[in-house]
Amino acid sequence: MRARRTAPPEPIAIHLRALVSIERGERKTAKAALEELSLRVPDYLPGILERALMHIRQGERAAATQLMRDVLRRTEKMPLEDLVPGPEPLPVEFYRSSAEQFLRSRGGVE
């Protein structure tokens, strides 16, 4: 008997689809997947960070700055060691430090 593989939860599946598109250089497809992710699960922290990174790659610093500030706001009261579900579970500290480093480089840490 073969073990059944379970599909990842919806936000992670959409995020993985976006990552594959990014890896393949399919910007429009990746952007569409990230927009879908934002609409379906607006609080999905890895998706917010991924959208910010997409904006950085496209030279859209203002949009990236806004999203990075959102990451900081959303993680403000979260324990740094808590794991955030995503394609790879990462601690809250990863998201906070990523946002802080970007904002510091922009002079935008509040």
C-alpha atoms as a PDB file:
ATOM      1  CA  MET A   1       0.000   0.000   0.000  1.00  0.00           C
ATOM      2  CA  ARG A   2       1.396   3.398  -0.998  1.00  0.00           C
ATOM      3  CA  ALA A   3       1.379   6.261   1.430  1.00  0.00           C
ATOM      4  CA  ARG A   4      -0.787   9.135   0.300  1.00  0.00           C
ATOM      5  CA  ARG A   5       0.904  12.443  -0.184  1.00  0.00           C
ATOM      6  CA  THR A   6      -1.121  15.250   1.186  1.00  0.00           C
ATOM      7  CA  ALA A   7      -1.148  18.568  -0.587  1.00  0.00           C
ATOM      8  CA  PRO A   8       0.280  21.532   1.296  1.00  0.00           C
ATOM      9  CA  PRO A   9      -2.239  23.968   2.781  1.00  0.00           C
ATOM     10  CA  GLU A  10      -3.600  26.391   0.186  1.00  0.00           C
ATOM     11  CA  PRO A  11      -1.438  29.447   0.987  1.00  0.00           C
ATOM     12  CA  ILE A  12       1.724  27.361   0.903  1.00  0.00           C
ATOM     13  CA  ALA A  13       0.698  25.708  -2.371  1.00  0.00           C
ATOM     14  CA  ILE A  14       0.081  29.105  -3.998  1.00  0.00           C
ATOM     15  CA  HIS A  15       3.363  30.410  -2.577  1.00  0.00           C
ATOM     16  CA  LEU A  16       5.246  27.393  -3.966  1.00  0.00           C
ATOM     17  CA  ARG A  17       3.665  28.017  -7.373  1.00  0.00           C
ATOM     18  CA  ALA A  18       4.914  31.620  -7.231  1.00  0.00           C
ATOM     19  CA  LEU A  19       8.407  30.492  -6.235  1.00  0.00           C
ATOM     20  CA  VAL A  20       8.584  28.044  -9.153  1.00  0.00           C
ATOM     21  CA  SER A  21       7.532  30.840 -11.512  1.00  0.00           C
ATOM     22  CA  ILE A  22      10.178  33.164 -10.051  1.00  0.00           C
ATOM     23  CA  GLU A  23      12.816  30.455 -10.490  1.00  0.00           C
ATOM     24  CA  ARG A  24      11.777  30.004 -14.126  1.00  0.00           C
ATOM     25  CA  GLY A  25      11.890  33.743 -14.775  1.00  0.00           C
ATOM     26  CA  GLU A  26       8.124  33.890 -15.341  1.00  0.00           C
ATOM     27  CA  ARG A  27       7.523  37.260 -13.692  1.00  0.00           C
ATOM     28  CA  LYS A  28       3.922  37.737 -14.800  1.00  0.00           C
ATOM     29  CA  THR A  29       2.913  34.287 -13.594  1.00  0.00           C
ATOM     30  CA  ALA A  30       4.740  34.789 -10.291  1.00  0.00           C
ATOM     31  CA  LYS A  31       3.170  38.204  -9.787  1.00  0.00           C
ATOM     32  CA  ALA A  32      -0.299  36.784 -10.506  1.00  0.00           C
ATOM     33  CA  ALA A  33       0.226  33.968  -7.973  1.00  0.00           C
ATOM     34  CA  LEU A  34       1.419  36.431  -5.317  1.00  0.00           C
ATOM     35  CA  GLU A  35      -1.573  38.689  -5.981  1.00  0.00           C
ATOM     36  CA  GLU A  36      -3.901  35.681  -5.674  1.00  0.00           C
ATOM     37  CA  LEU A  37      -2.163  34.754  -2.420  1.00  0.00           C
ATOM     38  CA  SER A  38      -2.631  38.282  -1.100  1.00  0.00           C
ATOM     39  CA  LEU A  39      -6.333  38.253  -1.954  1.00  0.00           C
ATOM     40  CA  ARG A  40      -7.042  34.792  -0.540  1.00  0.00           C
ATOM     41  CA  VAL A  41      -4.869  34.951   2.576  1.00  0.00           C
ATOM     42  CA  PRO A  42      -3.901  38.587   3.266  1.00  0.00           C
ATOM     43  CA  ASP A  43      -2.350  37.727   6.658  1.00  0.00           C
ATOM     44  CA  TYR A  44       0.033  35.079   5.274  1.00  0.00           C
ATOM     45  CA  LEU A  45       3.357  36.525   6.429  1.00  0.00           C
ATOM     46  CA  PRO A  46       5.641  34.639   4.013  1.00  0.00           C
ATOM     47  CA  GLY A  47       3.513  35.946   1.140  1.00  0.00           C
ATOM     48  CA  ILE A  48       3.834  39.541   2.312  1.00  0.00           C
ATOM     49  CA  LEU A  49       7.612  39.199   2.457  1.00  0.00           C
ATOM     50  CA  GLU A  50       7.689  37.488  -0.949  1.00  0.00           C
ATOM     51  CA  ARG A  51       5.662  40.323  -2.474  1.00  0.00           C
ATOM     52  CA  ALA A  52       8.100  42.830  -0.984  1.00  0.00           C
ATOM     53  CA  LEU A  53      11.015  40.908  -2.501  1.00  0.00           C
ATOM     54  CA  MET A  54       9.266  40.882  -5.883  1.00  0.00           C
ATOM     55  CA  HIS A  55       8.881  44.660  -5.701  1.00  0.00           C
ATOM     56  CA  ILE A  56      12.583  45.010  -4.813  1.00  0.00           C
ATOM     57  CA  ARG A  57      13.560  42.910  -7.850  1.00  0.00           C
ATOM     58  CA  GLN A  58      11.394  45.142 -10.034  1.00  0.00           C
ATOM     59  CA  GLY A  59      12.912  48.336  -8.617  1.00  0.00           C
ATOM     60  CA  GLU A  60       9.665  49.326  -6.880  1.00  0.00           C
ATOM     61  CA  ARG A  61      11.230  50.457  -3.608  1.00  0.00           C
ATOM     62  CA  ALA A  62       8.214  52.390  -2.274  1.00  0.00           C
ATOM     63  CA  ALA A  63       5.904  49.370  -2.575  1.00  0.00           C
ATOM     64  CA  ALA A  64       8.567  47.130  -1.007  1.00  0.00           C
ATOM     65  CA  THR A  65       9.024  49.596   1.859  1.00  0.00           C
ATOM     66  CA  GLN A  66       5.306  49.602   2.596  1.00  0.00           C
ATOM     67  CA  LEU A  67       5.179  45.791   2.678  1.00  0.00           C
ATOM     68  CA  MET A  68       8.291  45.528   4.857  1.00  0.00           C
ATOM     69  CA  ARG A  69       6.722  47.953   7.335  1.00  0.00           C
ATOM     70  CA  ASP A  70       3.648  45.715   7.279  1.00  0.00           C
ATOM     71  CA  VAL A  71       5.849  42.709   8.131  1.00  0.00           C
ATOM     72  CA  LEU A  72       7.270  44.608  11.120  1.00  0.00           C
ATOM     73  CA  ARG A  73       3.826  45.688  12.289  1.00  0.00           C
ATOM     74  CA  ARG A  74       2.400  42.180  12.031  1.00  0.00           C
ATOM     75  CA  THR A  75       5.311  40.569  13.893  1.00  0.00           C
ATOM     76  CA  GLU A  76       5.621  43.251  16.560  1.00  0.00           C
ATOM     77  CA  LYS A  77       4.032  41.248  19.369  1.00  0.00           C
ATOM     78  CA  MET A  78       4.913  37.763  18.151  1.00  0.00           C
ATOM     79  CA  PRO A  79       7.545  35.719  20.022  1.00  0.00           C
ATOM     80  CA  LEU A  80      10.718  35.760  17.901  1.00  0.00           C
ATOM     81  CA  GLU A  81      11.219  32.001  18.208  1.00  0.00           C
ATOM     82  CA  ASP A  82       7.720  31.047  16.971  1.00  0.00           C
ATOM     83  CA  LEU A  83       7.793  29.267  13.622  1.00  0.00           C
ATOM     84  CA  VAL A  84       5.735  30.741  10.791  1.00  0.00           C
ATOM     85  CA  PRO A  85       4.269  28.108   8.432  1.00  0.00           C
ATOM     86  CA  GLY A  86       5.415  28.510   4.856  1.00  0.00           C
ATOM     87  CA  PRO A  87       7.264  26.600   2.144  1.00  0.00           C
ATOM     88  CA  GLU A  88       9.947  26.326   4.813  1.00  0.00           C
ATOM     89  CA  PRO A  89       8.832  27.044   8.396  1.00  0.00           C
ATOM     90  CA  LEU A  90      10.943  29.966   9.576  1.00  0.00           C
ATOM     91  CA  PRO A  91      11.001  31.819  12.901  1.00  0.00           C
ATOM     92  CA  VAL A  92       9.330  35.185  13.339  1.00  0.00           C
ATOM     93  CA  GLU A  93      12.821  36.558  13.925  1.00  0.00           C
ATOM     94  CA  PHE A  94      13.700  35.839  10.264  1.00  0.00           C
ATOM     95  CA  TYR A  95      10.797  37.976   9.036  1.00  0.00           C
ATOM     96  CA  ARG A  96      11.509  40.802  11.458  1.00  0.00           C
ATOM     97  CA  SER A  97      15.225  40.929  10.731  1.00  0.00           C
ATOM     98  CA  SER A  98      14.625  40.781   6.952  1.00  0.00           C
ATOM     99  CA  ALA A  99      12.257  43.735   7.159  1.00  0.00           C
ATOM    100  CA  GLU A 100      14.484  45.665   9.557  1.00  0.00           C
ATOM    101  CA  GLN A 101      17.566  45.217   7.374  1.00  0.00           C
ATOM    102  CA  PHE A 102      15.722  46.387   4.271  1.00  0.00           C
ATOM    103  CA  LEU A 103      14.224  49.387   6.057  1.00  0.00           C
ATOM    104  CA  ARG A 104      17.554  50.319   7.655  1.00  0.00           C
ATOM    105  CA  SER A 105      19.165  50.307   4.223  1.00  0.00           C
ATOM    106  CA  ARG A 106      16.403  52.679   3.100  1.00  0.00           C
ATOM    107  CA  GLY A 107      16.532  54.829   6.229  1.00  0.00           C
ATOM    108  CA  GLY A 108      12.940  53.817   6.930  1.00  0.00           C
ATOM    109  CA  VAL A 109      13.013  51.989  10.267  1.00  0.00           C
ATOM    110  CA  GLU A 110      10.492  53.639  12.553  1.00  0.00           C
END
